[in-house]
Amino acid sequence: MAYMTDRKRAEGMGSAKEGTHHHWWMMVSSAGLAVLTPFFLFTFAPMLGKPHAEVLAYFAQPFPAIIAALMIVATFLHFKNGVQALIEDYVHGTARKITLIATTCLSYAAAATGLFAIARMAL
């Protein structure tokens, strides 16, 4: 029989004091994406099926390029934080650390690749 208090059994399993900040960040990025998505759709959709030269000329303009870049950054940061919450809840031990590092690297790499593509079209 273990003579441990409830507090001792729960130690290390309590609040990390980051839940409110994480929730607030997810709400802000969701609101940002809700505003950006229609702008992105109205700037991106007209270019579907157009010739390559016309798409390059269109995204060389500042407004479509900025909207596309903002959408890419906001989407991948929101993805990173959402997947981080999932991993923290359901993956444990060393696998958690490896998975967090891999998804963070994947998110930043995808965002950087998207920004590079926009920059190549805009310049």
PDB file of N, CA and C in Angstrom:
ATOM      1  N   MET A   1       0.842  -1.175   0.000  1.00  0.00           N
ATOM      2  CA  MET A   1       0.000   0.000   0.000  1.00  0.00           C
ATOM      3  C   MET A   1       0.890   1.241   0.000  1.00  0.00           C
ATOM      4  N   ALA A   2       0.598   2.157  -0.881  1.00  0.00           N
ATOM      5  CA  ALA A   2       1.379   3.382  -0.968  1.00  0.00           C
ATOM      6  C   ALA A   2       0.715   4.470  -0.148  1.00  0.00           C
ATOM      7  N   TYR A   3       1.538   5.122   0.608  1.00  0.00           N
ATOM      8  CA  TYR A   3       1.014   6.217   1.423  1.00  0.00           C
ATOM      9  C   TYR A   3       1.353   7.547   0.750  1.00  0.00           C
ATOM     10  N   MET A   4       0.769   7.740  -0.423  1.00  0.00           N
ATOM     11  CA  MET A   4       1.002   8.976  -1.166  1.00  0.00           C
ATOM     12  C   MET A   4      -0.262   9.824  -1.131  1.00  0.00           C
ATOM     13  N   THR A   5      -0.058  11.109  -1.015  1.00  0.00           N
ATOM     14  CA  THR A   5      -1.197  12.014  -1.051  1.00  0.00           C
ATOM     15  C   THR A   5      -1.652  12.171  -2.504  1.00  0.00           C
ATOM     16  N   ASP A   6      -2.855  12.695  -2.652  1.00  0.00           N
ATOM     17  CA  ASP A   6      -3.372  12.937  -4.002  1.00  0.00           C
ATOM     18  C   ASP A   6      -2.470  13.910  -4.758  1.00  0.00           C
ATOM     19  N   ARG A   7      -1.943  14.874  -4.036  1.00  0.00           N
ATOM     20  CA  ARG A   7      -1.074  15.862  -4.672  1.00  0.00           C
ATOM     21  C   ARG A   7       0.193  15.201  -5.208  1.00  0.00           C
ATOM     22  N   LYS A   8       0.780  14.305  -4.440  1.00  0.00           N
ATOM     23  CA  LYS A   8       1.989  13.614  -4.876  1.00  0.00           C
ATOM     24  C   LYS A   8       1.728  12.748  -6.107  1.00  0.00           C
ATOM     25  N   ARG A   9       0.582  12.077  -6.158  1.00  0.00           N
ATOM     26  CA  ARG A   9       0.246  11.243  -7.310  1.00  0.00           C
ATOM     27  C   ARG A   9       0.024  12.091  -8.561  1.00  0.00           C
ATOM     28  N   ALA A  10      -0.486  13.283  -8.404  1.00  0.00           N
ATOM     29  CA  ALA A  10      -0.800  14.144  -9.548  1.00  0.00           C
ATOM     30  C   ALA A  10       0.350  15.044  -9.950  1.00  0.00           C
ATOM     31  N   GLU A  11       1.411  15.077  -9.173  1.00  0.00           N
ATOM     32  CA  GLU A  11       2.526  15.965  -9.474  1.00  0.00           C
ATOM     33  C   GLU A  11       3.141  15.613 -10.822  1.00  0.00           C
ATOM     34  N   GLY A  12       3.403  16.609 -11.583  1.00  0.00           N
ATOM     35  CA  GLY A  12       3.951  16.394 -12.915  1.00  0.00           C
ATOM     36  C   GLY A  12       2.883  16.148 -13.968  1.00  0.00           C
ATOM     37  N   MET A  13       1.641  16.087 -13.573  1.00  0.00           N
ATOM     38  CA  MET A  13       0.567  15.829 -14.525  1.00  0.00           C
ATOM     39  C   MET A  13      -0.434  16.986 -14.549  1.00  0.00           C
ATOM     40  N   GLY A  14      -0.068  18.073 -13.917  1.00  0.00           N
ATOM     41  CA  GLY A  14      -0.989  19.192 -13.806  1.00  0.00           C
ATOM     42  C   GLY A  14      -0.857  20.160 -14.960  1.00  0.00           C
ATOM     43  N   SER A  15      -1.366  21.331 -14.730  1.00  0.00           N
ATOM     44  CA  SER A  15      -1.385  22.367 -15.748  1.00  0.00           C
ATOM     45  C   SER A  15       0.026  22.831 -16.067  1.00  0.00           C
ATOM     46  N   ALA A  16       0.276  23.069 -17.348  1.00  0.00           N
ATOM     47  CA  ALA A  16       1.566  23.599 -17.783  1.00  0.00           C
ATOM     48  C   ALA A  16       1.523  25.116 -17.836  1.00  0.00           C
ATOM     49  N   LYS A  17       0.387  25.699 -17.490  1.00  0.00           N
ATOM     50  CA  LYS A  17       0.193  27.152 -17.474  1.00  0.00           C
ATOM     51  C   LYS A  17       0.325  27.776 -18.870  1.00  0.00           C
ATOM     52  N   GLU A  18       0.097  26.990 -19.932  1.00  0.00           N
ATOM     53  CA  GLU A  18       0.188  27.495 -21.290  1.00  0.00           C
ATOM     54  C   GLU A  18      -1.106  27.331 -22.071  1.00  0.00           C
ATOM     55  N   GLY A  19      -2.112  26.717 -21.475  1.00  0.00           N
ATOM     56  CA  GLY A  19      -3.339  26.418 -22.190  1.00  0.00           C
ATOM     57  C   GLY A  19      -4.077  27.650 -22.677  1.00  0.00           C
ATOM     58  N   THR A  20      -4.148  28.676 -21.846  1.00  0.00           N
ATOM     59  CA  THR A  20      -4.863  29.898 -22.224  1.00  0.00           C
ATOM     60  C   THR A  20      -4.163  30.591 -23.384  1.00  0.00           C
ATOM     61  N   HIS A  21      -2.850  30.668 -23.307  1.00  0.00           N
ATOM     62  CA  HIS A  21      -2.082  31.320 -24.375  1.00  0.00           C
ATOM     63  C   HIS A  21      -2.247  30.555 -25.687  1.00  0.00           C
ATOM     64  N   HIS A  22      -2.161  29.242 -25.608  1.00  0.00           N
ATOM     65  CA  HIS A  22      -2.312  28.424 -26.817  1.00  0.00           C
ATOM     66  C   HIS A  22      -3.721  28.576 -27.407  1.00  0.00           C
ATOM     67  N   HIS A  23      -4.728  28.538 -26.547  1.00  0.00           N
ATOM     68  CA  HIS A  23      -6.106  28.695 -27.017  1.00  0.00           C
ATOM     69  C   HIS A  23      -6.298  30.072 -27.652  1.00  0.00           C
ATOM     70  N   TRP A  24      -5.774  31.102 -27.026  1.00  0.00           N
ATOM     71  CA  TRP A  24      -5.911  32.463 -27.554  1.00  0.00           C
ATOM     72  C   TRP A  24      -5.230  32.563 -28.918  1.00  0.00           C
ATOM     73  N   TRP A  25      -4.045  31.992 -29.071  1.00  0.00           N
ATOM     74  CA  TRP A  25      -3.339  32.025 -30.347  1.00  0.00           C
ATOM     75  C   TRP A  25      -4.144  31.312 -31.429  1.00  0.00           C
ATOM     76  N   MET A  26      -4.721  30.178 -31.094  1.00  0.00           N
ATOM     77  CA  MET A  26      -5.519  29.445 -32.074  1.00  0.00           C
ATOM     78  C   MET A  26      -6.760  30.242 -32.479  1.00  0.00           C
ATOM     79  N   MET A  27      -7.381  30.933 -31.541  1.00  0.00           N
ATOM     80  CA  MET A  27      -8.558  31.748 -31.855  1.00  0.00           C
ATOM     81  C   MET A  27      -8.182  32.929 -32.756  1.00  0.00           C
ATOM     82  N   VAL A  28      -7.062  33.569 -32.467  1.00  0.00           N
ATOM     83  CA  VAL A  28      -6.615  34.714 -33.278  1.00  0.00           C
ATOM     84  C   VAL A  28      -6.247  34.256 -34.684  1.00  0.00           C
ATOM     85  N   SER A  29      -5.525  33.146 -34.783  1.00  0.00           N
ATOM     86  CA  SER A  29      -5.152  32.680 -36.120  1.00  0.00           C
ATOM     87  C   SER A  29      -6.379  32.179 -36.893  1.00  0.00           C
ATOM     88  N   SER A  30      -7.354  31.617 -36.196  1.00  0.00           N
ATOM     89  CA  SER A  30      -8.600  31.212 -36.865  1.00  0.00           C
ATOM     90  C   SER A  30      -9.346  32.419 -37.407  1.00  0.00           C
ATOM     91  N   ALA A  31      -9.418  33.468 -36.616  1.00  0.00           N
ATOM     92  CA  ALA A  31     -10.085  34.690 -37.074  1.00  0.00           C
ATOM     93  C   ALA A  31      -9.343  35.292 -38.267  1.00  0.00           C
ATOM     94  N   GLY A  32      -8.020  35.292 -38.194  1.00  0.00           N
ATOM     95  CA  GLY A  32      -7.224  35.797 -39.312  1.00  0.00           C
ATOM     96  C   GLY A  32      -7.448  34.991 -40.579  1.00  0.00           C
ATOM     97  N   LEU A  33      -7.507  33.676 -40.422  1.00  0.00           N
ATOM     98  CA  LEU A  33      -7.758  32.823 -41.585  1.00  0.00           C
ATOM     99  C   LEU A  33      -9.173  33.005 -42.122  1.00  0.00           C
ATOM    100  N   ALA A  34     -10.123  33.254 -41.237  1.00  0.00           N
ATOM    101  CA  ALA A  34     -11.501  33.478 -41.685  1.00  0.00           C
ATOM    102  C   ALA A  34     -11.598  34.751 -42.532  1.00  0.00           C
ATOM    103  N   VAL A  35     -10.791  35.737 -42.209  1.00  0.00           N
ATOM    104  CA  VAL A  35     -10.782  36.979 -42.991  1.00  0.00           C
ATOM    105  C   VAL A  35      -9.976  36.795 -44.280  1.00  0.00           C
ATOM    106  N   LEU A  36      -8.842  36.108 -44.178  1.00  0.00           N
ATOM    107  CA  LEU A  36      -7.959  35.956 -45.336  1.00  0.00           C
ATOM    108  C   LEU A  36      -8.495  35.004 -46.405  1.00  0.00           C
ATOM    109  N   THR A  37      -9.233  33.996 -46.003  1.00  0.00           N
ATOM    110  CA  THR A  37      -9.677  32.979 -46.955  1.00  0.00           C
ATOM    111  C   THR A  37     -10.500  33.553 -48.109  1.00  0.00           C
ATOM    112  N   PRO A  38     -11.521  34.389 -47.860  1.00  0.00           N
ATOM    113  CA  PRO A  38     -12.243  34.955 -49.016  1.00  0.00           C
ATOM    114  C   PRO A  38     -11.351  35.815 -49.919  1.00  0.00           C
ATOM    115  N   PHE A  39     -10.469  36.607 -49.307  1.00  0.00           N
ATOM    116  CA  PHE A  39      -9.544  37.405 -50.122  1.00  0.00           C
ATOM    117  C   PHE A  39      -8.677  36.493 -50.987  1.00  0.00           C
ATOM    118  N   PHE A  40      -8.164  35.430 -50.371  1.00  0.00           N
ATOM    119  CA  PHE A  40      -7.319  34.496 -51.105  1.00  0.00           C
ATOM    120  C   PHE A  40      -8.098  33.833 -52.243  1.00  0.00           C
ATOM    121  N   LEU A  41      -9.307  33.397 -51.955  1.00  0.00           N
ATOM    122  CA  LEU A  41     -10.105  32.736 -52.988  1.00  0.00           C
ATOM    123  C   LEU A  41     -10.415  33.670 -54.150  1.00  0.00           C
ATOM    124  N   PHE A  42     -10.719  34.940 -53.839  1.00  0.00           N
ATOM    125  CA  PHE A  42     -11.044  35.885 -54.908  1.00  0.00           C
ATOM    126  C   PHE A  42      -9.816  36.331 -55.690  1.00  0.00           C
ATOM    127  N   THR A  43      -8.615  36.195 -55.101  1.00  0.00           N
ATOM    128  CA  THR A  43      -7.413  36.544 -55.859  1.00  0.00           C
ATOM    129  C   THR A  43      -6.805  35.331 -56.552  1.00  0.00           C
ATOM    130  N   PHE A  44      -7.001  34.148 -55.990  1.00  0.00           N
ATOM    131  CA  PHE A  44      -6.391  32.942 -56.542  1.00  0.00           C
ATOM    132  C   PHE A  44      -7.266  32.268 -57.596  1.00  0.00           C
ATOM    133  N   ALA A  45      -8.557  32.192 -57.361  1.00  0.00           N
ATOM    134  CA  ALA A  45      -9.471  31.464 -58.244  1.00  0.00           C
ATOM    135  C   ALA A  45      -9.467  31.968 -59.684  1.00  0.00           C
ATOM    136  N   PRO A  46      -9.423  33.277 -59.941  1.00  0.00           N
ATOM    137  CA  PRO A  46      -9.436  33.717 -61.343  1.00  0.00           C
ATOM    138  C   PRO A  46      -8.220  33.244 -62.153  1.00  0.00           C
ATOM    139  N   MET A  47      -7.168  32.844 -61.471  1.00  0.00           N
ATOM    140  CA  MET A  47      -5.953  32.432 -62.170  1.00  0.00           C
ATOM    141  C   MET A  47      -5.909  30.936 -62.490  1.00  0.00           C
ATOM    142  N   LEU A  48      -6.870  30.189 -61.989  1.00  0.00           N
ATOM    143  CA  LEU A  48      -6.897  28.754 -62.269  1.00  0.00           C
ATOM    144  C   LEU A  48      -7.124  28.512 -63.751  1.00  0.00           C
ATOM    145  N   GLY A  49      -6.251  27.728 -64.362  1.00  0.00           N
ATOM    146  CA  GLY A  49      -6.376  27.395 -65.775  1.00  0.00           C
ATOM    147  C   GLY A  49      -5.805  28.425 -66.729  1.00  0.00           C
ATOM    148  N   LYS A  50      -5.257  29.500 -66.202  1.00  0.00           N
ATOM    149  CA  LYS A  50      -4.675  30.543 -67.064  1.00  0.00           C
ATOM    150  C   LYS A  50      -3.261  30.130 -67.495  1.00  0.00           C
ATOM    151  N   PRO A  51      -2.772  30.710 -68.567  1.00  0.00           N
ATOM    152  CA  PRO A  51      -1.396  30.421 -69.001  1.00  0.00           C
ATOM    153  C   PRO A  51      -0.371  30.881 -67.951  1.00  0.00           C
ATOM    154  N   HIS A  52       0.774  30.232 -67.975  1.00  0.00           N
ATOM    155  CA  HIS A  52       1.819  30.491 -66.986  1.00  0.00           C
ATOM    156  C   HIS A  52       2.242  31.959 -66.963  1.00  0.00           C
ATOM    157  N   ALA A  53       2.427  32.556 -68.112  1.00  0.00           N
ATOM    158  CA  ALA A  53       2.869  33.955 -68.188  1.00  0.00           C
ATOM    159  C   ALA A  53       1.838  34.894 -67.561  1.00  0.00           C
ATOM    160  N   GLU A  54       0.570  34.607 -67.769  1.00  0.00           N
ATOM    161  CA  GLU A  54      -0.479  35.452 -67.207  1.00  0.00           C
ATOM    162  C   GLU A  54      -0.523  35.339 -65.678  1.00  0.00           C
ATOM    163  N   VAL A  55      -0.319  34.140 -65.165  1.00  0.00           N
ATOM    164  CA  VAL A  55      -0.288  33.936 -63.713  1.00  0.00           C
ATOM    165  C   VAL A  55       0.907  34.672 -63.112  1.00  0.00           C
ATOM    166  N   LEU A  56       2.059  34.591 -63.752  1.00  0.00           N
ATOM    167  CA  LEU A  56       3.242  35.291 -63.257  1.00  0.00           C
ATOM    168  C   LEU A  56       3.018  36.803 -63.236  1.00  0.00           C
ATOM    169  N   ALA A  57       2.412  37.327 -64.282  1.00  0.00           N
ATOM    170  CA  ALA A  57       2.138  38.768 -64.342  1.00  0.00           C
ATOM    171  C   ALA A  57       1.141  39.173 -63.258  1.00  0.00           C
ATOM    172  N   TYR A  58       0.157  38.322 -63.006  1.00  0.00           N
ATOM    173  CA  TYR A  58      -0.864  38.632 -62.002  1.00  0.00           C
ATOM    174  C   TYR A  58      -0.256  38.658 -60.601  1.00  0.00           C
ATOM    175  N   PHE A  59       0.561  37.650 -60.278  1.00  0.00           N
ATOM    176  CA  PHE A  59       1.154  37.596 -58.947  1.00  0.00           C
ATOM    177  C   PHE A  59       2.368  38.512 -58.797  1.00  0.00           C
ATOM    178  N   ALA A  60       2.770  39.181 -59.851  1.00  0.00           N
ATOM    179  CA  ALA A  60       3.793  40.209 -59.748  1.00  0.00           C
ATOM    180  C   ALA A  60       3.210  41.494 -59.161  1.00  0.00           C
ATOM    181  N   GLN A  61       1.879  41.599 -59.169  1.00  0.00           N
ATOM    182  CA  GLN A  61       1.216  42.743 -58.541  1.00  0.00           C
ATOM    183  C   GLN A  61       1.258  42.571 -57.019  1.00  0.00           C
ATOM    184  N   PRO A  62       1.342  43.676 -56.279  1.00  0.00           N
ATOM    185  CA  PRO A  62       1.514  43.556 -54.824  1.00  0.00           C
ATOM    186  C   PRO A  62       0.338  42.914 -54.089  1.00  0.00           C
ATOM    187  N   PHE A  63      -0.894  43.280 -54.402  1.00  0.00           N
ATOM    188  CA  PHE A  63      -2.034  42.792 -53.621  1.00  0.00           C
ATOM    189  C   PHE A  63      -2.183  41.274 -53.664  1.00  0.00           C
ATOM    190  N   PRO A  64      -2.220  40.637 -54.838  1.00  0.00           N
ATOM    191  CA  PRO A  64      -2.351  39.174 -54.847  1.00  0.00           C
ATOM    192  C   PRO A  64      -1.164  38.464 -54.188  1.00  0.00           C
ATOM    193  N   ALA A  65       0.037  38.997 -54.379  1.00  0.00           N
ATOM    194  CA  ALA A  65       1.215  38.372 -53.781  1.00  0.00           C
ATOM    195  C   ALA A  65       1.186  38.471 -52.262  1.00  0.00           C
ATOM    196  N   ILE A  66       0.788  39.613 -51.736  1.00  0.00           N
ATOM    197  CA  ILE A  66       0.728  39.795 -50.285  1.00  0.00           C
ATOM    198  C   ILE A  66      -0.362  38.921 -49.680  1.00  0.00           C
ATOM    199  N   ILE A  67      -1.515  38.868 -50.312  1.00  0.00           N
ATOM    200  CA  ILE A  67      -2.610  38.022 -49.803  1.00  0.00           C
ATOM    201  C   ILE A  67      -2.179  36.548 -49.793  1.00  0.00           C
ATOM    202  N   ALA A  68      -1.547  36.101 -50.869  1.00  0.00           N
ATOM    203  CA  ALA A  68      -1.096  34.706 -50.933  1.00  0.00           C
ATOM    204  C   ALA A  68      -0.044  34.422 -49.866  1.00  0.00           C
ATOM    205  N   ALA A  69       0.894  35.344 -49.656  1.00  0.00           N
ATOM    206  CA  ALA A  69       1.939  35.154 -48.645  1.00  0.00           C
ATOM    207  C   ALA A  69       1.346  35.126 -47.235  1.00  0.00           C
ATOM    208  N   LEU A  70       0.428  36.035 -46.946  1.00  0.00           N
ATOM    209  CA  LEU A  70      -0.219  36.046 -45.630  1.00  0.00           C
ATOM    210  C   LEU A  70      -1.000  34.762 -45.395  1.00  0.00           C
ATOM    211  N   MET A  71      -1.670  34.286 -46.419  1.00  0.00           N
ATOM    212  CA  MET A  71      -2.438  33.055 -46.300  1.00  0.00           C
ATOM    213  C   MET A  71      -1.527  31.863 -46.022  1.00  0.00           C
ATOM    214  N   ILE A  72      -0.424  31.796 -46.706  1.00  0.00           N
ATOM    215  CA  ILE A  72       0.522  30.698 -46.506  1.00  0.00           C
ATOM    216  C   ILE A  72       1.069  30.713 -45.082  1.00  0.00           C
ATOM    217  N   VAL A  73       1.515  31.862 -44.627  1.00  0.00           N
ATOM    218  CA  VAL A  73       2.100  31.957 -43.282  1.00  0.00           C
ATOM    219  C   VAL A  73       1.062  31.636 -42.216  1.00  0.00           C
ATOM    220  N   ALA A  74      -0.102  32.249 -42.299  1.00  0.00           N
ATOM    221  CA  ALA A  74      -1.142  32.019 -41.285  1.00  0.00           C
ATOM    222  C   ALA A  74      -1.602  30.560 -41.273  1.00  0.00           C
ATOM    223  N   THR A  75      -1.740  29.962 -42.444  1.00  0.00           N
ATOM    224  CA  THR A  75      -2.196  28.577 -42.521  1.00  0.00           C
ATOM    225  C   THR A  75      -1.198  27.624 -41.886  1.00  0.00           C
ATOM    226  N   PHE A  76       0.067  27.768 -42.198  1.00  0.00           N
ATOM    227  CA  PHE A  76       1.048  26.825 -41.668  1.00  0.00           C
ATOM    228  C   PHE A  76       1.347  27.061 -40.192  1.00  0.00           C
ATOM    229  N   LEU A  77       1.253  28.286 -39.712  1.00  0.00           N
ATOM    230  CA  LEU A  77       1.405  28.507 -38.267  1.00  0.00           C
ATOM    231  C   LEU A  77       0.211  27.928 -37.515  1.00  0.00           C
ATOM    232  N   HIS A  78      -0.973  28.092 -38.059  1.00  0.00           N
ATOM    233  CA  HIS A  78      -2.173  27.516 -37.442  1.00  0.00           C
ATOM    234  C   HIS A  78      -2.079  25.986 -37.447  1.00  0.00           C
ATOM    235  N   PHE A  79      -1.622  25.424 -38.542  1.00  0.00           N
ATOM    236  CA  PHE A  79      -1.427  23.978 -38.631  1.00  0.00           C
ATOM    237  C   PHE A  79      -0.424  23.504 -37.579  1.00  0.00           C
ATOM    238  N   LYS A  80       0.700  24.205 -37.465  1.00  0.00           N
ATOM    239  CA  LYS A  80       1.736  23.814 -36.512  1.00  0.00           C
ATOM    240  C   LYS A  80       1.196  23.791 -35.091  1.00  0.00           C
ATOM    241  N   ASN A  81       0.477  24.825 -34.711  1.00  0.00           N
ATOM    242  CA  ASN A  81      -0.043  24.901 -33.352  1.00  0.00           C
ATOM    243  C   ASN A  81      -1.158  23.887 -33.105  1.00  0.00           C
ATOM    244  N   GLY A  82      -1.978  23.636 -34.088  1.00  0.00           N
ATOM    245  CA  GLY A  82      -3.037  22.655 -33.929  1.00  0.00           C
ATOM    246  C   GLY A  82      -2.488  21.240 -33.799  1.00  0.00           C
ATOM    247  N   VAL A  83      -1.520  20.911 -34.639  1.00  0.00           N
ATOM    248  CA  VAL A  83      -0.912  19.579 -34.564  1.00  0.00           C
ATOM    249  C   VAL A  83      -0.115  19.429 -33.276  1.00  0.00           C
ATOM    250  N   GLN A  84       0.497  20.513 -32.816  1.00  0.00           N
ATOM    251  CA  GLN A  84       1.232  20.469 -31.546  1.00  0.00           C
ATOM    252  C   GLN A  84       0.297  20.090 -30.400  1.00  0.00           C
ATOM    253  N   ALA A  85      -0.889  20.679 -30.361  1.00  0.00           N
ATOM    254  CA  ALA A  85      -1.859  20.346 -29.308  1.00  0.00           C
ATOM    255  C   ALA A  85      -2.274  18.878 -29.407  1.00  0.00           C
ATOM    256  N   LEU A  86      -2.486  18.401 -30.622  1.00  0.00           N
ATOM    257  CA  LEU A  86      -2.836  16.994 -30.822  1.00  0.00           C
ATOM    258  C   LEU A  86      -1.733  16.066 -30.325  1.00  0.00           C
ATOM    259  N   ILE A  87      -0.509  16.369 -30.707  1.00  0.00           N
ATOM    260  CA  ILE A  87       0.620  15.522 -30.320  1.00  0.00           C
ATOM    261  C   ILE A  87       0.804  15.537 -28.803  1.00  0.00           C
ATOM    262  N   GLU A  88       0.700  16.708 -28.194  1.00  0.00           N
ATOM    263  CA  GLU A  88       0.870  16.798 -26.744  1.00  0.00           C
ATOM    264  C   GLU A  88      -0.194  16.001 -26.002  1.00  0.00           C
ATOM    265  N   ASP A  89      -1.373  15.896 -26.578  1.00  0.00           N
ATOM    266  CA  ASP A  89      -2.449  15.155 -25.921  1.00  0.00           C
ATOM    267  C   ASP A  89      -2.333  13.644 -26.113  1.00  0.00           C
ATOM    268  N   TYR A  90      -1.861  13.188 -27.267  1.00  0.00           N
ATOM    269  CA  TYR A  90      -1.981  11.777 -27.597  1.00  0.00           C
ATOM    270  C   TYR A  90      -0.670  11.014 -27.785  1.00  0.00           C
ATOM    271  N   VAL A  91       0.458  11.697 -27.837  1.00  0.00           N
ATOM    272  CA  VAL A  91       1.735  11.018 -28.020  1.00  0.00           C
ATOM    273  C   VAL A  91       2.579  11.255 -26.777  1.00  0.00           C
ATOM    274  N   HIS A  92       3.288  10.216 -26.320  1.00  0.00           N
ATOM    275  CA  HIS A  92       4.034  10.324 -25.074  1.00  0.00           C
ATOM    276  C   HIS A  92       5.472   9.873 -25.265  1.00  0.00           C
ATOM    277  N   GLY A  93       6.326  10.311 -24.348  1.00  0.00           N
ATOM    278  CA  GLY A  93       7.723   9.879 -24.329  1.00  0.00           C
ATOM    279  C   GLY A  93       8.558  10.514 -25.423  1.00  0.00           C
ATOM    280  N   THR A  94       9.548   9.744 -25.874  1.00  0.00           N
ATOM    281  CA  THR A  94      10.473  10.223 -26.896  1.00  0.00           C
ATOM    282  C   THR A  94       9.763  10.461 -28.222  1.00  0.00           C
ATOM    283  N   ALA A  95       8.759   9.652 -28.496  1.00  0.00           N
ATOM    284  CA  ALA A  95       8.008   9.828 -29.745  1.00  0.00           C
ATOM    285  C   ALA A  95       7.370  11.208 -29.804  1.00  0.00           C
ATOM    286  N   ARG A  96       6.950  11.739 -28.655  1.00  0.00           N
ATOM    287  CA  ARG A  96       6.361  13.085 -28.613  1.00  0.00           C
ATOM    288  C   ARG A  96       7.375  14.118 -29.077  1.00  0.00           C
ATOM    289  N   LYS A  97       8.574  14.051 -28.534  1.00  0.00           N
ATOM    290  CA  LYS A  97       9.604  15.034 -28.885  1.00  0.00           C
ATOM    291  C   LYS A  97       9.964  14.947 -30.361  1.00  0.00           C
ATOM    292  N   ILE A  98      10.140  13.736 -30.844  1.00  0.00           N
ATOM    293  CA  ILE A  98      10.505  13.547 -32.247  1.00  0.00           C
ATOM    294  C   ILE A  98       9.385  14.040 -33.162  1.00  0.00           C
ATOM    295  N   THR A  99       8.159  13.708 -32.826  1.00  0.00           N
ATOM    296  CA  THR A  99       7.018  14.120 -33.651  1.00  0.00           C
ATOM    297  C   THR A  99       6.837  15.635 -33.630  1.00  0.00           C
ATOM    298  N   LEU A 100       7.000  16.258 -32.464  1.00  0.00           N
ATOM    299  CA  LEU A 100       6.891  17.723 -32.379  1.00  0.00           C
ATOM    300  C   LEU A 100       7.957  18.396 -33.234  1.00  0.00           C
ATOM    301  N   ILE A 101       9.181  17.909 -33.153  1.00  0.00           N
ATOM    302  CA  ILE A 101      10.261  18.494 -33.953  1.00  0.00           C
ATOM    303  C   ILE A 101       9.981  18.299 -35.437  1.00  0.00           C
ATOM    304  N   ALA A 102       9.542  17.108 -35.822  1.00  0.00           N
ATOM    305  CA  ALA A 102       9.281  16.826 -37.236  1.00  0.00           C
ATOM    306  C   ALA A 102       8.147  17.688 -37.784  1.00  0.00           C
ATOM    307  N   THR A 103       7.054  17.809 -37.044  1.00  0.00           N
ATOM    308  CA  THR A 103       5.932  18.605 -37.556  1.00  0.00           C
ATOM    309  C   THR A 103       6.258  20.097 -37.573  1.00  0.00           C
ATOM    310  N   THR A 104       7.040  20.554 -36.603  1.00  0.00           N
ATOM    311  CA  THR A 104       7.451  21.958 -36.609  1.00  0.00           C
ATOM    312  C   THR A 104       8.341  22.240 -37.809  1.00  0.00           C
ATOM    313  N   CYS A 105       9.305  21.366 -38.051  1.00  0.00           N
ATOM    314  CA  CYS A 105      10.184  21.535 -39.219  1.00  0.00           C
ATOM    315  C   CYS A 105       9.389  21.467 -40.525  1.00  0.00           C
ATOM    316  N   LEU A 106       8.453  20.532 -40.599  1.00  0.00           N
ATOM    317  CA  LEU A 106       7.611  20.407 -41.792  1.00  0.00           C
ATOM    318  C   LEU A 106       6.796  21.676 -42.028  1.00  0.00           C
ATOM    319  N   SER A 107       6.225  22.220 -40.976  1.00  0.00           N
ATOM    320  CA  SER A 107       5.401  23.431 -41.103  1.00  0.00           C
ATOM    321  C   SER A 107       6.225  24.611 -41.586  1.00  0.00           C
ATOM    322  N   TYR A 108       7.380  24.827 -40.958  1.00  0.00           N
ATOM    323  CA  TYR A 108       8.222  25.956 -41.361  1.00  0.00           C
ATOM    324  C   TYR A 108       8.799  25.758 -42.760  1.00  0.00           C
ATOM    325  N   ALA A 109       9.137  24.524 -43.106  1.00  0.00           N
ATOM    326  CA  ALA A 109       9.665  24.257 -44.442  1.00  0.00           C
ATOM    327  C   ALA A 109       8.602  24.496 -45.509  1.00  0.00           C
ATOM    328  N   ALA A 110       7.381  24.068 -45.241  1.00  0.00           N
ATOM    329  CA  ALA A 110       6.295  24.291 -46.201  1.00  0.00           C
ATOM    330  C   ALA A 110       5.989  25.780 -46.348  1.00  0.00           C
ATOM    331  N   ALA A 111       5.986  26.515 -45.229  1.00  0.00           N
ATOM    332  CA  ALA A 111       5.746  27.959 -45.290  1.00  0.00           C
ATOM    333  C   ALA A 111       6.868  28.651 -46.059  1.00  0.00           C
ATOM    334  N   ALA A 112       8.106  28.268 -45.799  1.00  0.00           N
ATOM    335  CA  ALA A 112       9.238  28.880 -46.502  1.00  0.00           C
ATOM    336  C   ALA A 112       9.189  28.572 -47.997  1.00  0.00           C
ATOM    337  N   THR A 113       8.807  27.349 -48.347  1.00  0.00           N
ATOM    338  CA  THR A 113       8.695  26.975 -49.755  1.00  0.00           C
ATOM    339  C   THR A 113       7.613  27.785 -50.449  1.00  0.00           C
ATOM    340  N   GLY A 114       6.474  27.962 -49.785  1.00  0.00           N
ATOM    341  CA  GLY A 114       5.400  28.776 -50.348  1.00  0.00           C
ATOM    342  C   GLY A 114       5.796  30.228 -50.518  1.00  0.00           C
ATOM    343  N   LEU A 115       6.475  30.774 -49.512  1.00  0.00           N
ATOM    344  CA  LEU A 115       6.934  32.171 -49.611  1.00  0.00           C
ATOM    345  C   LEU A 115       7.976  32.330 -50.701  1.00  0.00           C
ATOM    346  N   PHE A 116       8.849  31.338 -50.835  1.00  0.00           N
ATOM    347  CA  PHE A 116       9.848  31.390 -51.907  1.00  0.00           C
ATOM    348  C   PHE A 116       9.158  31.387 -53.278  1.00  0.00           C
ATOM    349  N   ALA A 117       8.137  30.557 -53.427  1.00  0.00           N
ATOM    350  CA  ALA A 117       7.415  30.499 -54.704  1.00  0.00           C
ATOM    351  C   ALA A 117       6.719  31.829 -55.008  1.00  0.00           C
ATOM    352  N   ILE A 118       6.113  32.418 -53.998  1.00  0.00           N
ATOM    353  CA  ILE A 118       5.462  33.729 -54.193  1.00  0.00           C
ATOM    354  C   ILE A 118       6.491  34.782 -54.544  1.00  0.00           C
ATOM    355  N   ALA A 119       7.625  34.763 -53.856  1.00  0.00           N
ATOM    356  CA  ALA A 119       8.682  35.746 -54.136  1.00  0.00           C
ATOM    357  C   ALA A 119       9.218  35.581 -55.561  1.00  0.00           C
ATOM    358  N   ARG A 120       9.381  34.341 -56.000  1.00  0.00           N
ATOM    359  CA  ARG A 120       9.856  34.099 -57.376  1.00  0.00           C
ATOM    360  C   ARG A 120       8.859  34.634 -58.404  1.00  0.00           C
ATOM    361  N   MET A 121       7.571  34.476 -58.121  1.00  0.00           N
ATOM    362  CA  MET A 121       6.567  34.979 -59.060  1.00  0.00           C
ATOM    363  C   MET A 121       6.481  36.498 -59.006  1.00  0.00           C
ATOM    364  N   ALA A 122       6.661  37.066 -57.809  1.00  0.00           N
ATOM    365  CA  ALA A 122       6.491  38.513 -57.642  1.00  0.00           C
ATOM    366  C   ALA A 122       7.696  39.303 -58.142  1.00  0.00           C
ATOM    367  N   LEU A 123       8.841  38.673 -58.187  1.00  0.00           N
ATOM    368  CA  LEU A 123      10.044  39.434 -58.572  1.00  0.00           C
ATOM    369  C   LEU A 123      10.491  39.153 -59.981  1.00  0.00           C
TER     370      LEU A 123
END
